[in-house]
Protein backbone atom coordinates (compact mmCIF):
# COMPACT_ATOMS: atom_id res chain seq x y z
CA MET A 1 297.87 407.88 -17.58
CA ASN A 2 297.80 411.43 -18.93
CA TRP A 3 301.15 412.82 -17.75
CA TRP A 4 300.21 416.26 -19.08
CA VAL A 5 298.12 416.74 -15.93
CA PHE A 6 301.25 416.59 -13.79
CA ARG A 7 303.04 419.10 -16.02
CA ARG A 8 300.30 421.73 -15.86
CA ARG A 9 301.21 425.16 -14.56
CA LEU A 10 299.37 426.20 -11.40
CA HIS A 11 298.06 429.69 -10.69
CA SER A 12 300.24 431.60 -8.23
CA SER A 13 297.29 432.41 -5.94
CA TRP A 14 296.56 428.73 -5.38
CA LEU A 15 300.25 428.03 -4.75
CA ILE A 16 300.20 430.77 -2.10
CA ALA A 17 297.07 429.22 -0.55
CA ILE A 18 298.63 425.75 -0.45
CA LEU A 19 301.83 427.17 1.05
CA CYS A 20 299.87 428.99 3.77
CA ILE A 21 297.90 425.85 4.62
CA THR A 22 301.09 423.78 4.91
CA LEU A 23 302.64 426.49 7.11
CA PHE A 24 299.56 426.20 9.31
CA ILE A 25 299.93 422.39 9.47
CA GLY A 26 303.60 422.76 10.40
CA VAL A 27 302.78 425.19 13.22
CA VAL A 28 300.07 422.80 14.51
CA LEU A 29 302.54 419.89 14.53
CA ALA A 30 305.12 422.03 16.36
CA GLN A 31 303.13 421.86 19.61
CA PHE A 32 303.41 418.05 19.61
CA GLY A 33 307.19 417.97 19.79
CA PHE A 34 308.05 417.67 16.10
CA SER A 35 309.60 421.14 16.10
CA LYS A 36 312.78 419.92 17.82
CA TYR A 37 313.90 418.40 14.52
CA PHE A 38 313.44 421.71 12.69
CA SER A 39 314.99 424.21 15.10
CA ASN A 40 318.15 424.62 13.00
CA SER A 41 318.45 428.09 11.44
CA SER A 42 319.24 426.55 8.05
CA TRP A 43 315.63 425.39 7.60
CA PRO A 44 314.23 428.81 6.59
CA VAL A 45 317.00 429.18 3.98
CA ILE A 46 316.29 425.72 2.56
CA GLY A 47 312.55 426.38 2.67
CA VAL A 48 312.82 429.72 0.84
CA ILE A 49 314.99 428.15 -1.90
CA LEU A 50 312.55 425.26 -2.44
CA ILE A 51 309.49 427.50 -2.36
CA SER A 52 311.09 429.96 -4.81
CA PHE A 53 311.85 427.10 -7.21
CA VAL A 54 308.27 425.83 -7.07
CA PHE A 55 306.85 429.31 -7.73
CA TRP A 56 309.27 429.72 -10.63
CA ARG A 57 308.26 426.49 -12.36
CA ARG A 58 304.64 426.23 -11.05
CA ARG A 59 304.21 422.61 -12.11
CA VAL A 60 301.83 420.12 -10.52
CA TYR A 61 304.59 417.52 -10.10
CA LEU A 62 306.43 419.93 -7.78
CA MET A 63 303.55 420.00 -5.29
CA PRO A 64 305.23 417.50 -2.89
CA VAL A 65 308.23 419.83 -2.73
CA LEU A 66 305.98 422.74 -1.79
CA LEU A 67 304.17 420.68 0.83
CA ILE A 68 307.40 419.54 2.47
CA ALA A 69 308.94 423.02 2.39
CA GLY A 70 305.80 424.63 3.81
CA VAL A 71 305.44 422.16 6.69
CA ALA A 72 309.16 422.48 7.48
CA MET A 73 308.91 426.28 7.59
CA GLY A 74 305.87 426.03 9.87
CA LEU A 75 307.70 423.64 12.21
CA TRP A 76 310.69 425.97 12.27
CA ARG A 77 308.50 428.98 13.12
CA GLY A 78 306.70 426.97 15.79
CA SER A 79 310.01 425.85 17.28
CA ILE A 80 311.03 429.48 17.85
CA THR A 81 307.87 430.22 19.82
CA GLN A 82 308.17 426.95 21.72
CA ARG A 83 311.68 427.87 22.87
CA GLU A 84 310.49 431.32 23.92
CA LEU A 85 307.62 429.85 25.96
CA ASP A 86 309.81 427.11 27.51
CA VAL A 87 311.54 429.85 29.52
CA TYR A 88 308.40 430.09 31.67
CA LYS A 89 308.32 426.40 32.67
CA PRO A 90 310.91 426.58 35.51
CA MET A 91 308.84 429.41 37.06
CA TYR A 92 305.56 427.48 37.27
CA GLY A 93 304.45 426.96 40.86
CA LYS A 94 306.68 429.74 42.18
CA SER A 95 305.79 433.13 43.61
CA ILE A 96 307.25 435.77 41.33
CA GLU A 97 306.72 439.36 40.23
CA VAL A 98 305.65 440.05 36.64
CA THR A 99 305.71 443.41 34.88
CA GLY A 100 304.06 444.02 31.53
CA HIS A 101 301.89 446.21 29.32
CA VAL A 102 298.11 445.81 29.47
CA LYS A 103 297.44 444.61 25.92
CA ASP A 104 293.60 444.61 25.90
CA ASP A 105 290.79 446.27 27.78
CA VAL A 106 290.50 444.96 31.34
CA ASP A 107 287.45 442.72 31.88
CA ILE A 108 285.41 442.05 34.99
CA GLY A 109 285.23 438.37 35.95
CA PRO A 110 282.19 436.55 37.37
CA SER A 111 283.33 437.19 40.94
CA GLY A 112 284.04 440.86 40.34
CA GLN A 113 287.80 440.44 39.93
CA LEU A 114 289.76 442.21 37.20
CA VAL A 115 290.98 440.11 34.29
CA ILE A 116 294.19 441.57 32.88
CA ARG A 117 296.18 440.39 29.86
CA LEU A 118 299.83 441.42 29.88
CA ASP A 119 302.43 441.32 27.12
CA SER A 120 305.97 442.75 26.83
CA ILE A 121 306.68 440.66 29.92
CA VAL A 122 309.60 441.37 32.25
CA ILE A 123 310.50 438.85 34.98
CA ASN A 124 313.68 439.24 37.06
CA ASN A 125 314.82 442.06 34.72
CA GLN A 126 314.58 439.65 31.79
CA LYS A 127 312.34 440.47 28.80
CA LEU A 128 310.23 437.51 27.74
CA SER A 129 307.93 436.79 24.83
CA GLY A 130 304.35 435.65 25.19
CA ALA A 131 301.44 436.92 27.25
CA VAL A 132 300.31 436.29 30.83
CA TRP A 133 296.70 436.14 32.06
CA ILE A 134 296.11 437.81 35.44
CA SER A 135 293.13 437.95 37.78
CA ALA A 136 293.31 440.42 40.63
CA THR A 137 291.30 442.68 42.91
CA THR A 138 292.38 446.30 43.19
CA LYS A 139 291.00 449.77 43.69
CA SER A 140 293.37 451.15 41.05
CA GLU A 141 291.88 452.01 37.67
CA ILE A 142 293.77 449.99 35.07
CA LYS A 143 293.42 450.71 31.36
CA ARG A 144 294.83 449.39 28.11
CA GLY A 145 298.39 450.59 27.59
CA ASP A 146 299.24 450.89 31.31
CA ILE A 147 302.36 449.27 32.73
CA VAL A 148 301.43 446.96 35.59
CA SER A 149 303.48 444.96 38.08
CA VAL A 150 301.85 442.02 39.85
CA SER A 151 303.06 439.35 42.22
CA GLY A 152 301.67 435.90 42.87
CA ASN A 153 301.92 432.22 42.06
CA LEU A 154 302.61 431.66 38.34
CA LEU A 155 300.92 428.60 36.82
CA ALA A 156 300.97 426.96 33.40
CA GLY A 157 299.01 428.95 30.86
CA PHE A 158 296.06 428.08 28.65
CA GLY A 159 295.16 429.02 25.11
CA ASN A 160 297.79 431.42 23.81
CA PHE A 161 298.90 432.52 27.31
CA ALA A 162 302.33 431.43 28.50
CA GLY A 163 301.25 431.62 32.13
CA VAL A 164 298.38 432.52 34.44
CA MET A 165 298.27 434.11 37.86
CA TYR A 166 295.10 433.89 39.96
CA ARG A 167 294.31 436.33 42.81
CA ALA A 168 297.47 438.26 42.08
CA LYS A 169 298.54 441.32 44.06
CA ILE A 170 298.91 444.56 42.10
CA THR A 171 302.18 446.09 43.29
CA ASN A 172 302.46 449.02 40.87
CA VAL A 173 300.48 450.72 38.11
CA THR A 174 302.14 453.23 35.78
CA GLN A 175 300.04 455.18 33.31
CA PRO A 176 302.29 456.47 30.51
CA VAL A 177 301.63 459.95 29.12
CA PRO A 178 300.01 460.32 26.65
CA GLY A 179 299.58 456.54 26.70
CA ASP A 180 297.40 454.70 24.20
CA ILE A 181 296.10 457.64 22.12
CA ALA A 182 293.42 455.59 20.36
CA ARG A 183 292.12 454.33 23.70
CA VAL A 184 292.07 457.86 25.12
CA VAL A 185 290.06 459.15 22.14
CA ARG A 186 287.69 456.20 22.40
CA ASP A 187 287.09 456.76 26.12
CA TRP A 188 286.48 460.47 25.46
CA PHE A 189 283.84 459.65 22.85
CA VAL A 190 282.33 456.91 25.04
CA GLY A 191 281.79 459.58 27.69
CA GLY A 192 279.62 461.46 25.20
CA ILE A 193 277.56 458.34 24.51
CA ARG A 194 276.90 457.86 28.21
CA GLN A 195 275.61 461.45 28.37
CA GLY A 196 272.76 460.57 26.01
CA LEU A 197 271.92 456.94 26.83
CA ASN A 198 270.89 455.05 29.93
CA GLU A 199 272.39 451.79 31.11
CA PRO A 200 272.65 449.00 30.10
CA GLU A 201 271.71 450.29 26.64
CA ALA A 202 274.67 452.70 26.59
CA SER A 203 277.15 449.87 27.18
CA LEU A 204 275.41 447.73 24.56
CA GLY A 205 275.67 450.54 21.99
CA ILE A 206 279.33 451.06 22.90
CA GLY A 207 279.90 447.34 22.43
CA TYR A 208 278.38 447.54 18.95
CA LEU A 209 280.33 450.63 17.97
CA VAL A 210 283.83 449.99 19.35
CA GLY A 211 283.76 446.40 20.62
CA GLN A 212 284.06 447.34 24.31
CA ARG A 213 281.90 445.19 26.58
CA ARG A 214 283.54 445.68 29.98
CA ALA A 215 280.71 447.81 31.38
CA LEU A 216 277.93 445.43 30.38
CA PRO A 217 276.11 444.00 33.41
CA LEU A 218 276.82 440.35 34.05
CA ASP A 219 273.21 439.26 33.48
CA LEU A 220 273.19 440.83 30.01
CA VAL A 221 276.57 439.27 29.17
CA VAL A 222 275.18 435.85 30.12
CA ALA A 223 272.01 436.49 28.10
CA LEU A 224 274.05 437.42 25.03
CA GLN A 225 276.03 434.19 25.40
CA VAL A 226 272.87 432.10 25.73
CA VAL A 227 271.28 433.52 22.58
CA GLY A 228 274.50 433.53 20.53
CA LEU A 229 274.94 437.29 20.18
CA THR A 230 278.27 437.81 21.94
CA HIS A 231 280.00 438.28 18.58
CA VAL A 232 278.29 441.65 18.00
CA VAL A 233 279.50 443.26 21.26
CA VAL A 234 283.15 442.35 20.90
CA ALA A 235 285.61 443.70 18.37
CA SER A 236 284.91 441.40 15.45
CA GLY A 237 284.99 441.15 11.71
CA TYR A 238 281.25 441.83 11.57
CA ASN A 239 281.58 445.31 13.11
CA LEU A 240 284.57 446.12 10.92
CA THR A 241 282.78 444.90 7.77
CA ILE A 242 279.83 447.22 8.47
CA LEU A 243 282.11 450.24 8.85
CA VAL A 244 284.24 449.43 5.78
CA ARG A 245 281.21 448.86 3.57
CA LEU A 246 279.72 452.13 4.80
CA ALA A 247 282.90 454.09 4.09
CA ARG A 248 283.30 452.54 0.64
CA ARG A 249 279.72 453.23 -0.42
CA LEU A 250 279.69 456.80 0.92
CA PHE A 251 282.67 457.87 -1.18
CA GLU A 252 282.34 455.53 -4.15
CA LYS A 253 280.32 458.09 -6.14
CA VAL A 254 283.05 460.70 -5.59
CA SER A 255 286.00 458.55 -6.68
CA LYS A 256 287.24 455.01 -6.34
CA TYR A 257 290.50 456.27 -4.86
CA LEU A 258 288.75 458.29 -2.15
CA SER A 259 286.48 455.33 -1.39
CA ALA A 260 289.46 453.01 -0.94
CA LEU A 261 291.33 455.59 1.14
CA ALA A 262 288.35 456.18 3.45
CA SER A 263 287.87 452.44 3.90
CA SER A 264 291.57 451.93 4.64
CA ILE A 265 291.49 454.68 7.26
CA MET A 266 288.42 453.03 8.77
CA ILE A 267 290.23 449.67 9.03
CA PHE A 268 293.29 451.24 10.66
CA ALA A 269 291.28 453.42 13.05
CA PHE A 270 288.98 450.61 14.16
CA ILE A 271 291.90 448.29 14.92
CA MET A 272 293.67 451.05 16.86
CA VAL A 273 290.53 451.74 18.90
CA THR A 274 289.67 448.10 19.64
CA GLY A 275 293.20 446.73 19.98
CA LEU A 276 295.04 444.13 17.91
CA SER A 277 293.39 440.98 19.25
CA PRO A 278 293.74 437.67 17.32
CA SER A 279 290.26 438.01 15.83
CA MET A 280 290.88 441.63 14.84
CA SER A 281 294.21 440.64 13.25
CA ARG A 282 292.28 438.27 11.00
CA ALA A 283 289.48 440.74 10.34
CA GLY A 284 291.82 443.61 9.49
CA LEU A 285 293.97 441.48 7.18
CA VAL A 286 290.97 440.01 5.33
CA ALA A 287 289.26 443.39 5.00
CA GLY A 288 292.46 444.99 3.73
CA LEU A 289 293.09 442.29 1.12
CA SER A 290 289.44 442.36 -0.01
CA LEU A 291 289.57 446.13 -0.34
CA ALA A 292 292.79 445.96 -2.37
CA ALA A 293 291.27 443.35 -4.68
CA TRP A 294 288.18 445.54 -5.19
CA TYR A 295 290.27 448.64 -5.90
CA TYR A 296 292.45 446.95 -8.53
CA GLY A 297 289.54 445.09 -10.12
CA ARG A 298 290.80 441.68 -9.03
CA LYS A 299 288.97 438.83 -7.36
CA PHE A 300 290.16 436.76 -4.42
CA HIS A 301 288.79 433.26 -4.08
CA PRO A 302 287.54 433.03 -0.45
CA ILE A 303 289.58 429.87 0.13
CA VAL A 304 292.75 431.66 -1.01
CA LEU A 305 291.90 434.68 1.11
CA LEU A 306 291.21 432.49 4.14
CA ALA A 307 294.46 430.55 3.62
CA ILE A 308 296.53 433.73 3.33
CA ALA A 309 295.01 435.14 6.52
CA VAL A 310 295.72 431.86 8.33
CA GLY A 311 299.31 431.68 7.10
CA VAL A 312 300.17 435.30 7.92
CA THR A 313 298.65 435.28 11.41
CA VAL A 314 300.24 431.99 12.48
CA LEU A 315 303.63 433.18 11.24
CA ILE A 316 303.24 436.34 13.31
CA ASN A 317 302.12 434.42 16.41
CA PRO A 318 301.99 430.59 16.26
CA SER A 319 300.34 430.44 19.69
CA TYR A 320 297.10 431.71 18.11
CA VAL A 321 296.52 428.32 16.53
CA TRP A 322 297.58 426.43 19.65
CA GLY A 323 294.59 427.48 21.69
CA ASP A 324 293.19 430.95 21.04
CA LEU A 325 289.43 430.44 20.88
CA GLY A 326 288.74 433.89 19.44
CA TRP A 327 291.14 433.25 16.55
CA GLN A 328 289.57 429.86 15.79
CA LEU A 329 286.00 431.19 15.90
CA SER A 330 286.93 434.19 13.76
CA PHE A 331 288.21 431.99 10.94
CA THR A 332 285.42 429.43 11.06
CA ALA A 333 282.78 432.18 11.06
CA PHE A 334 284.52 433.84 8.12
CA GLY A 335 284.51 430.53 6.24
CA GLY A 336 280.79 430.18 6.90
CA VAL A 337 279.97 433.68 5.69
CA MET A 338 282.21 433.70 2.61
CA ILE A 339 281.90 430.08 1.44
CA LEU A 340 278.92 428.20 2.88
CA ALA A 341 276.43 431.12 2.86
CA PRO A 342 276.71 432.03 -0.85
CA LEU A 343 276.61 428.35 -1.84
CA LEU A 344 273.40 427.84 0.15
CA GLN A 345 271.89 430.98 -1.38
CA ARG A 346 272.67 429.81 -4.90
CA TYR A 347 271.48 426.24 -4.22
CA PHE A 348 268.08 427.21 -2.77
CA PHE A 349 267.35 430.49 -4.60
CA GLY A 350 269.29 430.27 -7.84
CA GLU A 351 270.83 433.38 -9.37
CA LYS A 352 268.40 435.75 -7.68
CA LYS A 353 270.43 438.19 -5.61
CA PRO A 354 269.53 437.85 -1.91
CA GLY A 355 267.81 440.73 -0.17
CA PHE A 356 269.10 442.20 3.07
CA ILE A 357 267.07 439.93 5.39
CA ARG A 358 267.77 436.75 3.40
CA GLN A 359 271.47 437.60 3.27
CA ILE A 360 271.60 438.19 7.04
CA LEU A 361 269.71 434.96 7.70
CA GLY A 362 271.92 432.93 5.36
CA GLU A 363 275.14 434.34 6.78
CA THR A 364 273.93 433.83 10.35
CA ILE A 365 272.95 430.20 9.81
CA SER A 366 276.21 429.49 7.99
CA ALA A 367 278.35 431.13 10.68
CA GLN A 368 276.48 429.24 13.40
CA ILE A 369 277.00 425.92 11.59
CA CYS A 370 280.72 426.52 11.10
CA THR A 371 281.43 427.71 14.66
CA ALA A 372 279.19 425.19 16.47
CA PRO A 373 281.73 422.31 16.70
CA ILE A 374 284.36 424.55 18.34
CA LEU A 375 281.82 426.14 20.70
CA VAL A 376 280.48 422.77 21.80
CA VAL A 377 283.99 421.41 22.47
CA ALA A 378 285.00 424.57 24.37
CA PHE A 379 281.85 425.17 26.44
CA GLY A 380 279.80 421.97 26.23
CA GLN A 381 276.67 423.91 25.32
CA LEU A 382 274.82 425.05 22.23
CA SER A 383 272.30 427.86 21.77
CA ASN A 384 268.94 426.71 20.40
CA VAL A 385 267.72 430.26 19.75
CA ALA A 386 270.83 431.72 18.10
CA ILE A 387 269.30 431.87 14.63
CA ILE A 388 266.12 433.55 15.92
CA ALA A 389 268.11 436.02 18.04
CA ASN A 390 270.43 436.92 15.18
CA LEU A 391 267.50 437.41 12.82
CA LEU A 392 265.75 439.72 15.32
CA VAL A 393 268.83 441.75 16.26
CA LEU A 394 271.56 441.50 13.62
CA PRO A 395 269.80 443.40 10.78
CA LEU A 396 269.41 446.38 13.12
CA VAL A 397 273.03 446.50 14.33
CA PRO A 398 274.24 448.89 11.57
CA LEU A 399 271.40 451.29 12.45
CA ALA A 400 272.18 450.93 16.16
CA MET A 401 275.83 451.76 15.48
CA LEU A 402 274.84 454.88 13.52
CA LEU A 403 272.37 456.09 16.14
CA THR A 404 274.86 455.41 18.96
CA PHE A 405 277.46 457.45 17.08
CA ILE A 406 274.98 460.32 16.69
CA ALA A 407 274.19 460.07 20.41
CA GLY A 408 277.91 460.35 21.18
CA ILE A 409 278.28 463.44 19.00
CA GLY A 410 275.23 464.97 20.67
CA GLY A 411 276.55 464.20 24.16
CA LEU A 412 279.87 465.91 23.40
CA ALA A 413 278.53 468.89 21.43
CA MET A 414 275.27 469.62 23.28
CA PRO A 415 275.23 467.92 26.69
CA SER A 416 271.97 469.62 27.69
CA LEU A 417 270.18 468.01 24.72
CA ALA A 418 272.03 464.70 24.90
CA MET A 419 269.03 462.66 26.06
CA ILE A 420 266.84 464.04 23.27
CA ILE A 421 269.46 463.41 20.56
CA GLY A 422 270.11 459.94 21.95
CA ALA A 423 266.41 459.00 22.19
CA PRO A 424 266.26 457.06 18.87
CA ALA A 425 269.31 455.02 19.89
CA GLN A 426 267.80 454.46 23.34
CA TRP A 427 264.54 453.12 21.86
CA LEU A 428 266.30 450.76 19.45
CA LEU A 429 268.72 449.47 22.08
CA ASP A 430 265.82 448.99 24.52
CA TYR A 431 264.24 446.65 21.98
CA MET A 432 267.51 444.74 21.52
CA VAL A 433 268.00 444.29 25.25
CA TYR A 434 264.39 443.14 25.66
CA ALA A 435 264.63 440.66 22.77
CA THR A 436 267.90 439.25 24.11
CA GLN A 437 266.66 438.79 27.67
CA PHE A 438 263.29 437.39 26.53
CA LEU A 439 264.93 434.69 24.40
CA ALA A 440 267.54 433.93 27.07
CA ASP A 441 264.79 433.30 29.64
CA ILE A 442 263.20 430.55 27.53
CA PRO A 443 263.82 427.24 29.37
CA TRP A 444 265.07 425.43 26.27
CA ALA A 445 267.23 428.31 24.98
CA MET A 446 270.45 426.41 25.72
CA SER A 447 271.33 422.71 25.48
CA LYS A 448 274.19 420.89 27.15
CA VAL A 449 276.16 418.94 24.54
CA THR A 450 279.31 416.89 25.06
CA VAL A 451 281.50 416.47 21.98
CA GLY A 452 285.18 415.56 21.80
CA PRO A 453 287.81 417.00 19.44
CA ILE A 454 287.66 413.98 17.11
CA MET A 455 283.92 414.39 16.62
CA ALA A 456 284.43 418.13 15.99
CA ILE A 457 286.97 417.33 13.27
CA LEU A 458 284.51 414.88 11.70
CA CYS A 459 281.87 417.62 11.76
CA TYR A 460 284.16 419.90 9.79
CA VAL A 461 284.86 417.10 7.33
CA ALA A 462 281.10 416.79 6.86
CA ILE A 463 280.75 420.58 6.40
CA PHE A 464 283.51 420.48 3.79
CA GLY A 465 281.69 417.66 2.02
CA VAL A 466 278.46 419.66 1.99
CA CYS A 467 280.27 422.69 0.54
CA LEU A 468 281.85 420.52 -2.14
CA TYR A 469 278.46 419.06 -3.08
CA LEU A 470 276.83 422.50 -3.21
CA TRP A 471 279.64 423.85 -5.36
CA ARG A 472 279.41 420.97 -7.82
CA ALA A 473 275.61 421.21 -7.93
CA THR A 474 275.46 424.98 -8.48
CA LYS A 475 278.73 425.61 -10.38
CA PHE A 476 278.85 428.87 -8.43
CA ASN A 477 282.04 430.91 -8.84
CA LEU A 478 283.09 431.84 -5.32
CA ARG A 479 285.45 434.45 -6.74
CA ASP A 480 282.41 436.68 -7.17
CA VAL A 481 282.09 436.95 -3.37
CA ASN A 482 283.79 440.02 -1.91
CA LEU A 483 283.68 441.01 1.73
CA VAL A 484 283.61 444.77 1.18
CA GLU A 485 280.90 444.91 -1.49
């Protein structure tokens, strides 16, 4: 045996990726009760010492040490969140009053009830971690950043929510002054958009531009779900990528510094406007790291970038990985776009750089493949027209965002001419609404599929195998893929 292989020095970026993956594994295991053995506060000290030693020596034979230290740190971090969420358990099934901040935009449920997500929870004058999902009916206007008190029967939560409360009673709503400044500015600009566009096209354009879909009519929301286009009307990495690429290219000819600064401001502003949801946490982190790599002339391997984003977000909030569907879909879609899509392009078309339409089609197919197992497990259905719908609509989304922005400026600056200025956006959004509803009305647009978690895991093993084969067949260097270019 060639022992030199075990004495090789590993690149720091891959050590970071492996550490982040093991942290993720540790956090996953924490929800199954293993965290009770790692709740001692000495574990992070031991973990940091072991990890520092491995990064100092960087030898292959020290990999088991890194794996053990990473999993232990993940279990320790998961144990902290588990203890924080265990405080809720004695309250399940009891009628209590909950006070908290509205963390995201309020949604309208299928029955017309408000869906409110609260964090900074206070129960019985005790501050608690975690978030609570609330459904309620009220005449009060509730917005992101408000302080709301509700009473009702608290039940065990789902996803990353510590508890849920159905048909709750709103007992108090406090609107801080000035409140959420980014939300106030967004709502002011949205008012300008509505001056120049009719409904539901105005709400669709707003969804594209700032990820707000509350005002969309229920039938259009359902149609978007059927055709697989929901991801473009929620705050997602796709919307952020469009804006960052635009900012970078606009100022690149002036100076690289100004281009990076403008893109950074765009990332920060978009997150402030849309809110720091799990998917936006991932999107902002990935976009920021990609932008930094571009600015300093470095290259991030997509696997390393994905691993870092996973590790950082689960350390911030382990409950993301325990059941947040948006977080899971965000990462799988990112993996499809940054890993599977370029490999497929190289395998089928060689070194020829893909055009805009071929790139959109390849990224759409790849994202659909990588998110399908999770979607089928979560909803038991699969869109048969998603690829067609994305091909018809997705290439026009950047233009729709630009025209909607112009319509908003026109509505604020010249209200009397708002409809004329907004006409191009109206025509384009009319087409998008028509295409979406036409495809959604096809009888075979959606299929019912029943798949269990084990089968979903096997699907991802198969996808990994396909990626490995494509990489070996093409010898494509994935480091050349950058999100912001």
